[in-house]
C-alpha cells in the first residue's frame, strides 16, 4: 500500500480495480487551518488508455498494482500489431496500434530503452525513453546565415512525425526529439 503523498510519476496503482499509470501530480496546500494537503493526480488507464483525474488527501492509501516492468526492444510491425522483444529472456510481446496510440511515431526498428508494463506476463502498455533520435527525411532547404535562436520550419521524420526545427537544419541530419512533448530538443 502507498500513501498518496508517496506517489511518483510512472508508478502503477489500482483505482476502481483497474491498473492506472501516474502521469502528473500537482500538490495543493489549502490555506485554511487544519486542512490537509491535496494531491491532484492525472492517471492513465493501462487497458483502455483513458485519462482519469483524481484528487487524494496526503494520508489516503492506494494499492500498488501487481505489475512487472520489463526492458524491451522494438522489433518490427506485423500488420496492425507491433512486436517487442524482452531483452532479458528474448520472449516477444505484441501490442496493437490502439494500445500504442500516440507512441507509434517514435518507434524505429531496434529502439532500446523501452519499458513494457506486464500483468500476468501480458503487456498492457509501454513507456518510451524520454527522448529518441530520428533522421530528418524532408524539410525545406536551410537558409545561410540562419541562427540557432531564429525562426523554425517543419521537418518530416521517417516515422511520419512532423516537428518544428530551426531553419539551419538540413535533410539527412539526426535530431533528438522529446517523447513527452513531441518537440525538437537538439542535434544528435
Protein backbone atom coordinates (compact mmCIF):
# COMPACT_ATOMS: atom_id res chain seq x y z
CA UNK A 1 0.00 0.00 0.00
CA UNK A 2 1.16 3.51 -0.85
CA UNK A 3 0.21 6.83 0.66
CA UNK A 4 -0.95 9.44 -1.85
CA UNK A 5 1.95 11.62 -0.68
CA UNK A 6 4.40 8.90 -1.86
CA UNK A 7 3.08 8.79 -5.45
CA UNK A 8 5.61 9.38 -8.20
CA UNK A 9 5.30 9.79 -11.95
CA UNK A 10 5.39 6.39 -13.67
CA UNK A 11 4.08 4.32 -10.71
CA UNK A 12 1.26 1.89 -11.44
CA UNK A 13 -1.62 1.87 -8.93
CA UNK A 14 -5.07 0.33 -8.78
CA UNK A 15 -8.01 2.71 -8.97
CA UNK A 16 -11.52 1.21 -9.08
CA UNK A 17 -9.95 -2.25 -9.58
CA UNK A 18 -8.11 -1.21 -12.76
CA UNK A 19 -4.36 -0.63 -13.27
CA UNK A 20 -3.52 3.04 -13.87
CA UNK A 21 -0.17 4.70 -14.55
CA UNK A 22 0.58 8.01 -12.78
CA UNK A 23 1.24 10.70 -15.41
CA UNK A 24 1.15 14.01 -13.48
CA UNK A 25 1.00 15.06 -9.83
CA UNK A 26 0.02 18.50 -8.64
CA UNK A 27 0.33 19.30 -4.94
CA UNK A 28 -2.15 21.74 -3.42
CA UNK A 29 -1.73 23.17 0.07
CA UNK A 30 -5.02 24.66 1.27
CA UNK A 31 -4.63 27.90 3.22
CA UNK A 32 -7.23 27.18 5.90
CA UNK A 33 -6.00 25.84 9.22
CA UNK A 34 -6.23 22.13 9.73
CA UNK A 35 -6.82 21.41 6.05
CA UNK A 36 -4.77 18.53 4.68
CA UNK A 37 -2.57 18.70 1.60
CA UNK A 38 -4.33 17.57 -1.57
CA UNK A 39 -2.71 15.67 -4.44
CA UNK A 40 -4.34 16.17 -7.82
CA UNK A 41 -3.22 13.20 -9.92
CA UNK A 42 -3.65 12.52 -13.64
CA UNK A 43 -3.80 8.78 -14.28
CA UNK A 44 -3.85 6.73 -17.48
CA UNK A 45 -5.84 3.51 -17.60
CA UNK A 46 -3.37 0.92 -18.89
CA UNK A 47 -6.03 -1.19 -20.64
CA UNK A 48 -8.21 1.47 -22.25
CA UNK A 49 -5.75 4.39 -22.38
CA UNK A 50 -8.39 6.73 -20.91
CA UNK A 51 -7.23 9.60 -18.73
CA UNK A 52 -8.57 9.92 -15.19
CA UNK A 53 -8.15 12.91 -12.87
CA UNK A 54 -8.39 12.11 -9.16
CA UNK A 55 -7.75 14.12 -6.01
CA UNK A 56 -6.37 12.37 -2.93
CA UNK A 57 -5.58 13.53 0.59
CA UNK A 58 -1.94 13.02 1.60
CA UNK A 59 -2.69 10.16 4.01
CA UNK A 60 -5.08 8.28 1.69
CA UNK A 61 -3.85 4.76 0.89
CA UNK A 62 -3.62 3.38 -2.65
CA UNK A 63 -2.88 -0.18 -3.71
CA UNK A 64 0.14 -0.64 -5.94
CA UNK A 65 -0.81 -2.72 -8.99
CA UNK A 66 0.82 -6.13 -9.35
CA UNK A 67 2.78 -5.05 -12.39
CA UNK A 68 6.16 -6.14 -13.74
CA UNK A 69 8.42 -3.79 -15.69
CA UNK A 70 10.48 -5.45 -18.41
CA UNK A 71 13.12 -3.83 -20.62
CA UNK A 72 12.15 -4.44 -24.22
CA UNK A 73 13.39 -3.54 -27.67
CA UNK A 74 11.11 -2.67 -30.59
CA UNK A 75 11.50 -5.39 -33.23
CA UNK A 76 9.04 -4.95 -36.09
CA UNK A 77 5.46 -4.30 -37.17
CA UNK A 78 3.19 -7.09 -38.41
CA UNK A 79 0.04 -5.59 -39.95
CA UNK A 80 -1.68 -3.75 -37.08
CA UNK A 81 0.49 -5.36 -34.38
CA UNK A 82 3.80 -4.13 -33.02
CA UNK A 83 6.28 -6.73 -31.76
CA UNK A 84 8.66 -6.09 -28.85
CA UNK A 85 11.40 -8.40 -27.58
CA UNK A 86 12.24 -8.79 -23.90
CA UNK A 87 15.97 -8.01 -23.52
CA UNK A 88 16.41 -10.47 -20.63
CA UNK A 89 14.80 -13.69 -21.87
CA UNK A 90 14.16 -12.83 -25.57
CA UNK A 91 10.42 -13.55 -25.30
CA UNK A 92 8.19 -11.49 -27.58
CA UNK A 93 5.22 -9.29 -26.73
CA UNK A 94 2.60 -7.99 -29.13
CA UNK A 95 0.69 -4.73 -28.77
CA UNK A 96 -1.88 -3.38 -31.21
CA UNK A 97 -1.80 0.08 -32.76
CA UNK A 98 -4.69 1.10 -30.46
CA UNK A 99 -2.62 0.11 -27.39
CA UNK A 100 0.25 2.30 -28.64
CA UNK A 101 -1.75 5.37 -29.63
CA UNK A 102 0.48 8.45 -29.56
CA UNK A 103 3.68 6.40 -29.27
CA UNK A 104 3.98 4.82 -32.73
CA UNK A 105 5.55 7.99 -34.19
CA UNK A 106 8.64 7.45 -32.01
CA UNK A 107 9.20 3.74 -32.74
CA UNK A 108 12.10 2.80 -35.00
CA UNK A 109 13.43 -0.70 -35.58
CA UNK A 110 15.85 -1.72 -32.84
CA UNK A 111 14.84 1.13 -30.49
CA UNK A 112 16.03 0.31 -26.97
CA UNK A 113 15.22 1.87 -23.60
CA UNK A 114 11.54 0.95 -23.79
CA UNK A 115 9.87 -0.46 -20.67
CA UNK A 116 6.87 -2.79 -21.06
CA UNK A 117 4.32 -2.94 -18.25
CA UNK A 118 3.25 -6.56 -17.79
CA UNK A 119 0.45 -8.04 -15.71
CA UNK A 120 0.34 -11.85 -15.65
CA UNK A 121 3.01 -11.85 -18.40
CA UNK A 122 0.67 -9.94 -20.72
CA UNK A 123 1.78 -6.50 -21.99
CA UNK A 124 -0.61 -3.65 -21.18
CA UNK A 125 1.43 -0.65 -22.28
CA UNK A 126 4.93 0.63 -22.94
CA UNK A 127 6.90 3.56 -21.61
CA UNK A 128 9.16 5.22 -24.17
CA UNK A 129 12.60 6.60 -23.34
CA UNK A 130 12.49 10.35 -22.57
CA UNK A 131 13.99 11.15 -25.98
CA UNK A 132 14.64 9.42 -29.31
CA UNK A 133 17.00 10.20 -32.17
CA UNK A 134 15.44 10.36 -35.63
CA UNK A 135 16.66 11.46 -39.06
CA UNK A 136 15.07 14.32 -40.97
CA UNK A 137 13.74 12.86 -44.25
CA UNK A 138 12.15 16.00 -45.66
CA UNK A 139 12.45 19.71 -44.86
CA UNK A 140 12.79 22.91 -46.88
CA UNK A 141 16.43 23.80 -47.67
CA UNK A 142 18.46 25.51 -44.95
CA UNK A 143 18.99 29.25 -45.16
CA UNK A 144 22.55 30.54 -44.99
CA UNK A 145 23.08 32.81 -42.01
CA UNK A 146 20.13 31.34 -40.08
CA UNK A 147 20.77 31.45 -36.35
CA UNK A 148 20.01 28.90 -33.67
CA UNK A 149 17.57 31.28 -32.00
CA UNK A 150 15.87 32.20 -35.25
CA UNK A 151 12.71 31.00 -36.92
CA UNK A 152 11.59 27.40 -37.33
CA UNK A 153 10.39 25.24 -40.19
CA UNK A 154 8.58 21.90 -40.45
CA UNK A 155 10.62 18.71 -40.75
CA UNK A 156 9.21 15.26 -41.55
CA UNK A 157 10.77 12.22 -39.87
CA UNK A 158 10.85 8.59 -41.14
CA UNK A 159 8.00 7.59 -38.79
CA UNK A 160 5.67 10.22 -40.27
CA UNK A 161 6.02 12.58 -37.31
CA UNK A 162 6.33 16.27 -38.19
CA UNK A 163 8.16 18.65 -35.85
CA UNK A 164 9.26 22.26 -35.87
CA UNK A 165 13.06 22.58 -36.18
CA UNK A 166 15.45 25.56 -36.52
CA UNK A 167 15.94 26.85 -40.08
CA UNK A 168 19.59 25.82 -40.29
CA UNK A 169 18.88 22.04 -40.17
CA UNK A 170 19.03 20.06 -43.42
CA UNK A 171 17.51 16.83 -44.75
CA UNK A 172 19.53 13.82 -43.55
CA UNK A 173 20.56 15.29 -40.17
CA UNK A 174 19.89 13.39 -36.95
CA UNK A 175 17.87 15.20 -34.30
CA UNK A 176 16.77 14.43 -30.74
CA UNK A 177 13.00 14.54 -30.07
CA UNK A 178 11.33 14.68 -26.62
CA UNK A 179 8.81 11.79 -26.50
CA UNK A 180 6.60 13.50 -23.89
CA UNK A 181 6.13 16.81 -25.71
CA UNK A 182 6.92 15.75 -29.29
CA UNK A 183 9.25 18.73 -29.68
CA UNK A 184 12.74 19.15 -31.11
CA UNK A 185 15.45 19.17 -28.42
CA UNK A 186 18.80 19.33 -30.22
CA UNK A 187 21.00 17.88 -32.93
CA UNK A 188 22.08 14.32 -32.19
